[in-house]
């Protein structure tokens, strides 16, 4: 009976790791977007992307928080084994 539970835990932990990887990929993409926006700004020409940069940084923080929550859930699951 306990073998089934361990399999369920392992499956769920693997699913959490996949979610973490997806969140990390999105976070990297957002960081790249922030860098691109900042590099393309030209204050002398009046080209600024402050709102877009702010929104992207907020999204990056949200993704970092989601990643941390997933990591803690996975760790808690694995501790129960």
C-alpha atoms as a PDB file:
ATOM      1  CA  UNK A   1       0.000   0.000   0.000  1.00  0.00           C
ATOM      2  CA  UNK A   2       2.743   2.467   0.849  1.00  0.00           C
ATOM      3  CA  UNK A   3       4.406   1.901  -2.556  1.00  0.00           C
ATOM      4  CA  UNK A   4       1.431   3.540  -4.275  1.00  0.00           C
ATOM      5  CA  UNK A   5       1.646   6.569  -2.033  1.00  0.00           C
ATOM      6  CA  UNK A   6       5.365   6.976  -2.727  1.00  0.00           C
ATOM      7  CA  UNK A   7       4.676   6.758  -6.450  1.00  0.00           C
ATOM      8  CA  UNK A   8       1.990   9.439  -6.118  1.00  0.00           C
ATOM      9  CA  UNK A   9       4.386  11.661  -4.190  1.00  0.00           C
ATOM     10  CA  UNK A  10       7.147  11.121  -6.735  1.00  0.00           C
ATOM     11  CA  UNK A  11       4.744  11.869  -9.593  1.00  0.00           C
ATOM     12  CA  UNK A  12       3.499  15.021  -7.912  1.00  0.00           C
ATOM     13  CA  UNK A  13       7.049  16.141  -7.115  1.00  0.00           C
ATOM     14  CA  UNK A  14       8.012  15.629 -10.750  1.00  0.00           C
ATOM     15  CA  UNK A  15       4.991  17.659 -11.878  1.00  0.00           C
ATOM     16  CA  UNK A  16       6.011  20.463  -9.510  1.00  0.00           C
ATOM     17  CA  UNK A  17       9.545  20.382 -10.914  1.00  0.00           C
ATOM     18  CA  UNK A  18       8.155  20.704 -14.437  1.00  0.00           C
ATOM     19  CA  UNK A  19       6.042  23.671 -13.345  1.00  0.00           C
ATOM     20  CA  UNK A  20       9.115  25.212 -11.724  1.00  0.00           C
ATOM     21  CA  UNK A  21      11.066  24.814 -14.968  1.00  0.00           C
ATOM     22  CA  UNK A  22       8.264  26.457 -16.960  1.00  0.00           C
ATOM     23  CA  UNK A  23       8.064  29.367 -14.512  1.00  0.00           C
ATOM     24  CA  UNK A  24      11.852  29.763 -14.644  1.00  0.00           C
ATOM     25  CA  UNK A  25      11.776  29.872 -18.463  1.00  0.00           C
ATOM     26  CA  UNK A  26       9.079  32.560 -18.394  1.00  0.00           C
ATOM     27  CA  UNK A  27      11.075  34.527 -15.827  1.00  0.00           C
ATOM     28  CA  UNK A  28      14.196  34.403 -18.015  1.00  0.00           C
ATOM     29  CA  UNK A  29      12.147  35.591 -21.006  1.00  0.00           C
ATOM     30  CA  UNK A  30      10.770  38.514 -18.979  1.00  0.00           C
ATOM     31  CA  UNK A  31      14.272  39.455 -17.777  1.00  0.00           C
ATOM     32  CA  UNK A  32      15.435  39.462 -21.403  1.00  0.00           C
ATOM     33  CA  UNK A  33      12.470  41.681 -22.353  1.00  0.00           C
ATOM     34  CA  UNK A  34      13.373  44.158 -19.576  1.00  0.00           C
ATOM     35  CA  UNK A  35      16.960  44.330 -20.821  1.00  0.00           C
ATOM     36  CA  UNK A  36      15.776  44.869 -24.399  1.00  0.00           C
ATOM     37  CA  UNK A  37      13.394  47.634 -23.384  1.00  0.00           C
ATOM     38  CA  UNK A  38      16.022  49.370 -21.282  1.00  0.00           C
ATOM     39  CA  UNK A  39      18.579  49.156 -24.096  1.00  0.00           C
ATOM     40  CA  UNK A  40      16.153  50.593 -26.643  1.00  0.00           C
ATOM     41  CA  UNK A  41      15.232  53.623 -24.535  1.00  0.00           C
ATOM     42  CA  UNK A  42      16.540  56.947 -25.814  1.00  0.00           C
ATOM     43  CA  UNK A  43      15.796  59.812 -23.421  1.00  0.00           C
ATOM     44  CA  UNK A  44      17.147  62.423 -25.843  1.00  0.00           C
ATOM     45  CA  UNK A  45      14.684  61.319 -28.512  1.00  0.00           C
ATOM     46  CA  UNK A  46      11.892  61.010 -25.956  1.00  0.00           C
ATOM     47  CA  UNK A  47      11.671  57.224 -26.286  1.00  0.00           C
ATOM     48  CA  UNK A  48      10.920  55.714 -22.899  1.00  0.00           C
ATOM     49  CA  UNK A  49       9.316  52.460 -21.852  1.00  0.00           C
ATOM     50  CA  UNK A  50       8.897  53.088 -18.151  1.00  0.00           C
ATOM     51  CA  UNK A  51       5.441  51.515 -17.865  1.00  0.00           C
ATOM     52  CA  UNK A  52       6.413  48.447 -19.884  1.00  0.00           C
ATOM     53  CA  UNK A  53       9.620  48.001 -17.875  1.00  0.00           C
ATOM     54  CA  UNK A  54       7.751  48.406 -14.596  1.00  0.00           C
ATOM     55  CA  UNK A  55       5.087  45.876 -15.644  1.00  0.00           C
ATOM     56  CA  UNK A  56       7.747  43.398 -16.770  1.00  0.00           C
ATOM     57  CA  UNK A  57       9.647  43.758 -13.501  1.00  0.00           C
ATOM     58  CA  UNK A  58       6.427  43.178 -11.573  1.00  0.00           C
ATOM     59  CA  UNK A  59       5.801  40.044 -13.644  1.00  0.00           C
ATOM     60  CA  UNK A  60       9.364  38.889 -12.931  1.00  0.00           C
ATOM     61  CA  UNK A  61       8.785  39.270  -9.197  1.00  0.00           C
ATOM     62  CA  UNK A  62       5.491  37.397  -9.463  1.00  0.00           C
ATOM     63  CA  UNK A  63       7.193  34.557 -11.317  1.00  0.00           C
ATOM     64  CA  UNK A  64       9.997  34.436  -8.757  1.00  0.00           C
ATOM     65  CA  UNK A  65       7.382  34.149  -6.000  1.00  0.00           C
ATOM     66  CA  UNK A  66       5.535  31.393  -7.865  1.00  0.00           C
ATOM     67  CA  UNK A  67       8.816  29.523  -8.326  1.00  0.00           C
ATOM     68  CA  UNK A  68       9.581  29.780  -4.610  1.00  0.00           C
ATOM     69  CA  UNK A  69       6.104  28.543  -3.655  1.00  0.00           C
ATOM     70  CA  UNK A  70       6.440  25.571  -5.998  1.00  0.00           C
ATOM     71  CA  UNK A  71       9.907  24.799  -4.626  1.00  0.00           C
ATOM     72  CA  UNK A  72       8.613  24.805  -1.052  1.00  0.00           C
ATOM     73  CA  UNK A  73       5.640  22.596  -1.963  1.00  0.00           C
ATOM     74  CA  UNK A  74       7.970  20.104  -3.633  1.00  0.00           C
ATOM     75  CA  UNK A  75      10.329  20.115  -0.647  1.00  0.00           C
ATOM     76  CA  UNK A  76       7.437  19.607   1.768  1.00  0.00           C
ATOM     77  CA  UNK A  77       6.182  16.693  -0.319  1.00  0.00           C
ATOM     78  CA  UNK A  78       9.592  15.057  -0.381  1.00  0.00           C
ATOM     79  CA  UNK A  79      10.018  15.494   3.373  1.00  0.00           C
ATOM     80  CA  UNK A  80       6.870  13.436   3.940  1.00  0.00           C
ATOM     81  CA  UNK A  81       8.428  10.386   2.297  1.00  0.00           C
END
